Amino acid sequence: MVKRTDIPIVNAENTVPEITLRGFTYQDRPELMADLGVAVDLAGGWILERRTVTATAMQIRMELQATALTEVYAALLASGLELTRDSHRMLAQRCNCVLLMPPRRGNLSLLQLDVEIHFLDAPPEPVDVTHLLPQVHGTM
């Protein structure tokens, strides 16, 4: 049997569907965390836990009403977080489900997002190679 990884996992201890996301940023950690915290709060979600994974990565666990997923998705992007292709795909699929399916009651109306964020050094500056090319004085 093939195990599908794009289906949200139902956590046995609290039965809240869980979506795992990965992303990266070139921003400083304190700057991103402040922007992300405010953006998620304004979008209707709440951050449950922040945990440092490595010196350059951390994990954030947040919970939200399923109907606020689109706003939280937009908040993640607006904060400067760059999500991986798989993370975009999972969020887009889940947003479509929220949009097209009737809302549920109880724990099934909640979603839990686990976001793993990698902090990268500043991107390299573009190289100006025009001074490396030979000068052409005339054309034929």
N, C-alpha and C. Protein backbone atom coordinates (compact mmCIF):
# COMPACT_ATOMS: atom_id res chain seq x y z
N MET A 1 0.84 -1.17 0.00
CA MET A 1 0.00 0.00 0.00
C MET A 1 0.89 1.24 0.00
N VAL A 2 0.58 2.20 -0.84
CA VAL A 2 1.36 3.42 -0.96
C VAL A 2 0.86 4.43 0.06
N LYS A 3 1.78 4.99 0.81
CA LYS A 3 1.42 5.99 1.81
C LYS A 3 1.41 7.36 1.15
N ARG A 4 0.28 8.06 1.23
CA ARG A 4 0.18 9.39 0.66
C ARG A 4 0.57 10.40 1.71
N THR A 5 1.43 11.33 1.32
CA THR A 5 1.90 12.34 2.26
C THR A 5 1.18 13.67 2.09
N ASP A 6 0.33 13.79 1.08
CA ASP A 6 -0.34 15.07 0.87
C ASP A 6 -1.69 15.16 1.56
N ILE A 7 -2.10 14.11 2.26
CA ILE A 7 -3.36 14.11 2.98
C ILE A 7 -3.08 14.53 4.42
N PRO A 8 -3.81 15.50 4.96
CA PRO A 8 -3.56 15.92 6.34
C PRO A 8 -3.67 14.75 7.31
N ILE A 9 -2.77 14.73 8.25
CA ILE A 9 -2.72 13.66 9.24
C ILE A 9 -3.67 14.01 10.39
N VAL A 10 -4.43 13.05 10.85
CA VAL A 10 -5.27 13.27 12.03
C VAL A 10 -4.46 12.82 13.23
N ASN A 11 -4.20 13.76 14.09
CA ASN A 11 -3.40 13.52 15.29
C ASN A 11 -4.25 12.73 16.29
N ALA A 12 -3.73 11.61 16.78
CA ALA A 12 -4.51 10.72 17.64
C ALA A 12 -4.87 11.35 18.98
N GLU A 13 -4.01 12.24 19.49
CA GLU A 13 -4.28 12.79 20.82
C GLU A 13 -5.34 13.87 20.83
N ASN A 14 -5.50 14.63 19.74
CA ASN A 14 -6.51 15.68 19.78
C ASN A 14 -7.39 15.72 18.53
N THR A 15 -7.20 14.84 17.62
CA THR A 15 -7.98 14.68 16.39
C THR A 15 -8.14 15.98 15.60
N VAL A 16 -7.15 16.84 15.64
CA VAL A 16 -7.13 18.04 14.81
C VAL A 16 -6.27 17.74 13.59
N PRO A 17 -6.81 17.92 12.37
CA PRO A 17 -5.98 17.66 11.18
C PRO A 17 -4.73 18.54 11.19
N GLU A 18 -3.64 17.96 10.78
CA GLU A 18 -2.34 18.61 10.87
C GLU A 18 -1.72 18.68 9.48
N ILE A 19 -1.21 19.85 9.12
CA ILE A 19 -0.53 20.03 7.83
C ILE A 19 0.88 20.49 8.13
N THR A 20 1.87 19.80 7.56
CA THR A 20 3.26 20.15 7.77
C THR A 20 3.76 20.93 6.56
N LEU A 21 4.32 22.11 6.82
CA LEU A 21 4.81 22.99 5.78
C LEU A 21 6.29 23.26 5.99
N ARG A 22 6.97 23.57 4.90
CA ARG A 22 8.39 23.95 4.97
C ARG A 22 8.59 25.22 4.16
N GLY A 23 9.48 26.05 4.66
CA GLY A 23 9.76 27.29 3.96
C GLY A 23 11.11 27.85 4.37
N PHE A 24 11.46 28.96 3.74
CA PHE A 24 12.73 29.60 4.06
C PHE A 24 12.56 31.11 3.93
N THR A 25 13.52 31.82 4.47
CA THR A 25 13.50 33.27 4.40
C THR A 25 14.93 33.80 4.47
N TYR A 26 15.12 35.00 3.92
CA TYR A 26 16.39 35.70 4.04
C TYR A 26 16.32 36.77 5.12
N GLN A 27 15.18 36.90 5.78
CA GLN A 27 15.00 37.90 6.83
C GLN A 27 15.67 37.43 8.12
N ASP A 28 15.91 38.38 9.00
CA ASP A 28 16.42 38.04 10.34
C ASP A 28 15.31 37.36 11.13
N ARG A 29 15.70 36.49 12.01
CA ARG A 29 14.73 35.73 12.81
C ARG A 29 13.79 36.62 13.62
N PRO A 30 14.29 37.59 14.39
CA PRO A 30 13.36 38.42 15.18
C PRO A 30 12.38 39.21 14.31
N GLU A 31 12.86 39.70 13.17
CA GLU A 31 12.00 40.47 12.26
C GLU A 31 10.88 39.59 11.70
N LEU A 32 11.23 38.40 11.24
CA LEU A 32 10.21 37.51 10.67
C LEU A 32 9.22 37.05 11.74
N MET A 33 9.72 36.71 12.92
CA MET A 33 8.83 36.20 13.95
C MET A 33 7.83 37.26 14.40
N ALA A 34 8.27 38.52 14.47
CA ALA A 34 7.34 39.60 14.83
C ALA A 34 6.28 39.78 13.74
N ASP A 35 6.73 39.83 12.48
CA ASP A 35 5.79 39.99 11.36
C ASP A 35 4.83 38.81 11.27
N LEU A 36 5.36 37.61 11.42
CA LEU A 36 4.54 36.40 11.30
C LEU A 36 3.53 36.31 12.43
N GLY A 37 3.94 36.61 13.64
CA GLY A 37 3.02 36.55 14.78
C GLY A 37 1.84 37.50 14.62
N VAL A 38 2.12 38.73 14.23
CA VAL A 38 1.05 39.71 14.03
C VAL A 38 0.16 39.31 12.86
N ALA A 39 0.76 38.88 11.76
CA ALA A 39 -0.02 38.52 10.57
C ALA A 39 -0.94 37.33 10.83
N VAL A 40 -0.44 36.31 11.50
CA VAL A 40 -1.26 35.13 11.80
C VAL A 40 -2.38 35.49 12.77
N ASP A 41 -2.07 36.32 13.75
CA ASP A 41 -3.09 36.76 14.71
C ASP A 41 -4.20 37.54 14.01
N LEU A 42 -3.83 38.47 13.15
CA LEU A 42 -4.84 39.26 12.42
C LEU A 42 -5.66 38.41 11.45
N ALA A 43 -5.06 37.32 10.96
CA ALA A 43 -5.77 36.45 10.02
C ALA A 43 -6.70 35.46 10.72
N GLY A 44 -6.64 35.39 12.04
CA GLY A 44 -7.55 34.51 12.75
C GLY A 44 -6.93 33.24 13.30
N GLY A 45 -5.62 33.13 13.26
CA GLY A 45 -4.95 31.96 13.81
C GLY A 45 -4.23 32.32 15.09
N TRP A 46 -3.67 31.33 15.75
CA TRP A 46 -2.89 31.58 16.96
C TRP A 46 -1.72 30.62 17.00
N ILE A 47 -0.59 31.15 17.44
CA ILE A 47 0.63 30.36 17.52
C ILE A 47 0.66 29.63 18.85
N LEU A 48 0.76 28.30 18.79
CA LEU A 48 0.77 27.47 19.98
C LEU A 48 2.16 27.25 20.54
N GLU A 49 3.13 27.10 19.63
CA GLU A 49 4.48 26.73 20.08
C GLU A 49 5.51 27.22 19.08
N ARG A 50 6.64 27.66 19.60
CA ARG A 50 7.81 28.01 18.78
C ARG A 50 8.97 27.20 19.32
N ARG A 51 9.67 26.55 18.41
CA ARG A 51 10.75 25.66 18.86
C ARG A 51 11.94 25.79 17.92
N THR A 52 13.13 25.96 18.47
CA THR A 52 14.35 26.01 17.66
C THR A 52 14.76 24.59 17.33
N VAL A 53 14.94 24.32 16.04
CA VAL A 53 15.33 22.99 15.58
C VAL A 53 16.84 22.91 15.45
N THR A 54 17.42 23.88 14.74
CA THR A 54 18.87 23.99 14.60
C THR A 54 19.23 25.47 14.72
N ALA A 55 20.50 25.78 14.54
CA ALA A 55 20.93 27.17 14.63
C ALA A 55 20.30 28.02 13.53
N THR A 56 19.92 27.39 12.42
CA THR A 56 19.36 28.14 11.29
C THR A 56 17.93 27.73 10.95
N ALA A 57 17.27 27.00 11.83
CA ALA A 57 15.90 26.56 11.55
C ALA A 57 15.07 26.55 12.82
N MET A 58 13.79 26.80 12.65
CA MET A 58 12.86 26.71 13.77
C MET A 58 11.53 26.17 13.28
N GLN A 59 10.72 25.71 14.22
CA GLN A 59 9.42 25.15 13.91
C GLN A 59 8.36 25.91 14.69
N ILE A 60 7.30 26.25 13.99
CA ILE A 60 6.18 26.95 14.61
C ILE A 60 4.95 26.09 14.44
N ARG A 61 4.22 25.90 15.52
CA ARG A 61 2.95 25.17 15.48
C ARG A 61 1.85 26.19 15.71
N MET A 62 0.91 26.24 14.79
CA MET A 62 -0.21 27.17 14.93
C MET A 62 -1.52 26.44 14.70
N GLU A 63 -2.57 27.00 15.25
CA GLU A 63 -3.90 26.43 15.10
C GLU A 63 -4.82 27.52 14.59
N LEU A 64 -5.81 27.13 13.80
CA LEU A 64 -6.72 28.09 13.21
C LEU A 64 -8.04 27.41 12.88
N GLN A 65 -9.05 28.23 12.74
CA GLN A 65 -10.33 27.72 12.23
C GLN A 65 -10.12 27.40 10.75
N ALA A 66 -10.70 26.32 10.28
CA ALA A 66 -10.53 25.92 8.89
C ALA A 66 -10.97 27.02 7.93
N THR A 67 -11.98 27.78 8.31
CA THR A 67 -12.47 28.84 7.43
C THR A 67 -11.49 30.00 7.30
N ALA A 68 -10.50 30.09 8.19
CA ALA A 68 -9.50 31.17 8.13
C ALA A 68 -8.23 30.74 7.42
N LEU A 69 -8.22 29.56 6.81
CA LEU A 69 -7.00 29.04 6.20
C LEU A 69 -6.50 29.95 5.08
N THR A 70 -7.37 30.45 4.24
CA THR A 70 -6.94 31.31 3.14
C THR A 70 -6.25 32.57 3.67
N GLU A 71 -6.81 33.15 4.74
CA GLU A 71 -6.22 34.36 5.31
C GLU A 71 -4.86 34.06 5.96
N VAL A 72 -4.75 32.91 6.61
CA VAL A 72 -3.47 32.55 7.24
C VAL A 72 -2.43 32.23 6.16
N TYR A 73 -2.85 31.59 5.08
CA TYR A 73 -1.96 31.32 3.95
C TYR A 73 -1.41 32.64 3.41
N ALA A 74 -2.28 33.60 3.20
CA ALA A 74 -1.85 34.91 2.72
C ALA A 74 -0.94 35.60 3.73
N ALA A 75 -1.22 35.42 5.02
CA ALA A 75 -0.40 36.03 6.06
C ALA A 75 1.01 35.44 6.07
N LEU A 76 1.12 34.13 5.85
CA LEU A 76 2.44 33.49 5.79
C LEU A 76 3.26 34.10 4.66
N LEU A 77 2.64 34.26 3.51
CA LEU A 77 3.35 34.82 2.36
C LEU A 77 3.67 36.29 2.55
N ALA A 78 2.74 37.04 3.13
CA ALA A 78 2.94 38.47 3.33
C ALA A 78 4.05 38.76 4.35
N SER A 79 4.30 37.83 5.25
CA SER A 79 5.34 38.03 6.26
C SER A 79 6.74 37.88 5.69
N GLY A 80 6.85 37.41 4.45
CA GLY A 80 8.16 37.24 3.83
C GLY A 80 8.64 35.81 3.80
N LEU A 81 7.81 34.87 4.21
CA LEU A 81 8.18 33.46 4.21
C LEU A 81 8.00 32.90 2.80
N GLU A 82 9.02 32.23 2.30
CA GLU A 82 8.97 31.56 1.00
C GLU A 82 8.69 30.08 1.25
N LEU A 83 7.53 29.61 0.82
CA LEU A 83 7.17 28.21 1.03
C LEU A 83 7.68 27.35 -0.12
N THR A 84 7.90 26.07 0.17
CA THR A 84 8.31 25.13 -0.87
C THR A 84 7.13 24.82 -1.78
N ARG A 85 7.41 24.24 -2.91
CA ARG A 85 6.36 23.89 -3.88
C ARG A 85 5.34 22.94 -3.26
N ASP A 86 5.80 21.93 -2.53
CA ASP A 86 4.88 20.98 -1.89
C ASP A 86 3.99 21.67 -0.86
N SER A 87 4.56 22.62 -0.13
CA SER A 87 3.77 23.34 0.86
C SER A 87 2.69 24.18 0.19
N HIS A 88 3.04 24.84 -0.90
CA HIS A 88 2.03 25.60 -1.66
C HIS A 88 0.92 24.67 -2.16
N ARG A 89 1.33 23.52 -2.66
CA ARG A 89 0.35 22.57 -3.20
C ARG A 89 -0.61 22.07 -2.11
N MET A 90 -0.05 21.73 -0.95
CA MET A 90 -0.91 21.25 0.14
C MET A 90 -1.87 22.34 0.62
N LEU A 91 -1.37 23.55 0.76
CA LEU A 91 -2.24 24.64 1.21
C LEU A 91 -3.31 24.96 0.16
N ALA A 92 -2.94 24.96 -1.10
CA ALA A 92 -3.92 25.24 -2.16
C ALA A 92 -5.01 24.17 -2.19
N GLN A 93 -4.63 22.91 -2.05
CA GLN A 93 -5.62 21.83 -2.02
C GLN A 93 -6.55 21.98 -0.82
N ARG A 94 -5.97 22.27 0.32
CA ARG A 94 -6.80 22.39 1.53
C ARG A 94 -7.70 23.63 1.46
N CYS A 95 -7.21 24.73 0.88
CA CYS A 95 -8.04 25.93 0.71
C CYS A 95 -9.23 25.63 -0.20
N ASN A 96 -9.00 24.84 -1.25
CA ASN A 96 -10.11 24.44 -2.13
C ASN A 96 -11.13 23.60 -1.38
N CYS A 97 -10.65 22.70 -0.54
CA CYS A 97 -11.58 21.88 0.26
C CYS A 97 -12.41 22.76 1.19
N VAL A 98 -11.77 23.71 1.84
CA VAL A 98 -12.48 24.61 2.75
C VAL A 98 -13.51 25.43 1.99
N LEU A 99 -13.14 25.85 0.79
CA LEU A 99 -14.03 26.68 -0.02
C LEU A 99 -15.23 25.90 -0.54
N LEU A 100 -15.02 24.64 -0.92
CA LEU A 100 -16.07 23.88 -1.60
C LEU A 100 -16.88 22.95 -0.69
N MET A 101 -16.37 22.65 0.50
CA MET A 101 -17.08 21.74 1.39
C MET A 101 -17.77 22.53 2.50
N PRO A 102 -18.90 22.05 2.98
CA PRO A 102 -19.57 22.76 4.07
C PRO A 102 -18.74 22.71 5.34
N PRO A 103 -18.81 23.76 6.17
CA PRO A 103 -18.03 23.78 7.41
C PRO A 103 -18.46 22.68 8.37
N ARG A 104 -17.51 22.17 9.14
CA ARG A 104 -17.79 21.14 10.13
C ARG A 104 -17.77 21.74 11.51
N ARG A 105 -18.28 20.99 12.45
CA ARG A 105 -18.30 21.45 13.84
C ARG A 105 -17.29 20.68 14.66
N GLY A 106 -16.96 21.21 15.81
CA GLY A 106 -16.06 20.53 16.74
C GLY A 106 -14.62 20.63 16.30
N ASN A 107 -13.81 19.64 16.69
CA ASN A 107 -12.38 19.65 16.38
C ASN A 107 -12.09 19.59 14.90
N LEU A 108 -13.02 19.06 14.10
CA LEU A 108 -12.76 18.97 12.67
C LEU A 108 -12.82 20.33 11.98
N SER A 109 -13.34 21.34 12.65
CA SER A 109 -13.33 22.68 12.07
C SER A 109 -12.01 23.40 12.35
N LEU A 110 -11.13 22.78 13.12
CA LEU A 110 -9.82 23.34 13.42
C LEU A 110 -8.75 22.68 12.56
N LEU A 111 -7.71 23.43 12.27
CA LEU A 111 -6.54 22.90 11.57
C LEU A 111 -5.31 23.27 12.37
N GLN A 112 -4.32 22.42 12.29
CA GLN A 112 -3.05 22.71 12.93
C GLN A 112 -1.98 22.73 11.85
N LEU A 113 -1.20 23.81 11.79
CA LEU A 113 -0.11 23.92 10.83
C LEU A 113 1.21 23.83 11.57
N ASP A 114 2.07 22.95 11.11
CA ASP A 114 3.45 22.87 11.60
C ASP A 114 4.32 23.45 10.50
N VAL A 115 4.92 24.58 10.76
CA VAL A 115 5.72 25.27 9.75
C VAL A 115 7.19 25.22 10.16
N GLU A 116 8.00 24.59 9.32
CA GLU A 116 9.45 24.54 9.55
C GLU A 116 10.08 25.64 8.70
N ILE A 117 10.78 26.56 9.37
CA ILE A 117 11.36 27.72 8.69
C ILE A 117 12.87 27.65 8.76
N HIS A 118 13.51 27.78 7.60
CA HIS A 118 14.97 27.81 7.52
C HIS A 118 15.41 29.24 7.23
N PHE A 119 16.32 29.75 8.03
CA PHE A 119 16.82 31.11 7.87
C PHE A 119 18.12 31.03 7.07
N LEU A 120 18.12 31.64 5.89
CA LEU A 120 19.26 31.59 4.99
C LEU A 120 20.02 32.91 5.03
N ASP A 121 21.30 32.84 4.69
CA ASP A 121 22.09 34.06 4.57
C ASP A 121 21.54 34.88 3.42
N ALA A 122 21.92 36.12 3.39
CA ALA A 122 21.44 37.02 2.33
C ALA A 122 21.78 36.44 0.96
N PRO A 123 20.88 36.60 0.01
CA PRO A 123 21.17 36.07 -1.32
C PRO A 123 22.37 36.80 -1.92
N PRO A 124 23.12 36.13 -2.78
CA PRO A 124 24.29 36.79 -3.36
C PRO A 124 23.87 37.96 -4.25
N GLU A 125 24.72 38.96 -4.25
CA GLU A 125 24.46 40.13 -5.10
C GLU A 125 24.67 39.74 -6.56
N PRO A 126 23.87 40.30 -7.46
CA PRO A 126 24.09 40.00 -8.87
C PRO A 126 25.46 40.52 -9.32
N VAL A 127 26.10 39.78 -10.17
CA VAL A 127 27.43 40.12 -10.64
C VAL A 127 27.30 40.92 -11.93
N ASP A 128 28.01 42.05 -12.00
CA ASP A 128 28.04 42.86 -13.21
C ASP A 128 29.20 42.35 -14.07
N VAL A 129 28.88 41.69 -15.17
CA VAL A 129 29.91 41.09 -16.02
C VAL A 129 30.24 41.96 -17.23
N THR A 130 29.67 43.14 -17.32
CA THR A 130 29.92 43.98 -18.49
C THR A 130 31.38 44.40 -18.59
N HIS A 131 32.06 44.55 -17.46
CA HIS A 131 33.48 44.93 -17.51
C HIS A 131 34.37 43.75 -17.92
N LEU A 132 33.85 42.54 -17.90
CA LEU A 132 34.63 41.36 -18.30
C LEU A 132 34.57 41.10 -19.80
N LEU A 133 33.57 41.67 -20.47
CA LEU A 133 33.42 41.45 -21.90
C LEU A 133 34.35 42.36 -22.68
N PRO A 134 34.89 41.87 -23.80
CA PRO A 134 35.79 42.72 -24.60
C PRO A 134 35.01 43.91 -25.19
N GLN A 135 35.70 45.03 -25.28
CA GLN A 135 35.10 46.22 -25.88
C GLN A 135 35.11 46.08 -27.39
N VAL A 136 34.01 46.38 -28.02
CA VAL A 136 33.90 46.37 -29.48
C VAL A 136 33.91 47.82 -29.95
N HIS A 137 34.92 48.17 -30.73
CA HIS A 137 35.10 49.58 -31.13
C HIS A 137 34.35 49.90 -32.41
N GLY A 138 34.18 48.97 -33.26
CA GLY A 138 33.48 49.24 -34.52
C GLY A 138 32.71 48.03 -34.98
N THR A 139 31.81 48.20 -35.85
CA THR A 139 31.03 47.07 -36.39
C THR A 139 31.29 46.97 -37.87
N MET A 140 31.17 45.82 -38.40
CA MET A 140 31.39 45.58 -39.84
C MET A 140 30.11 45.52 -40.57
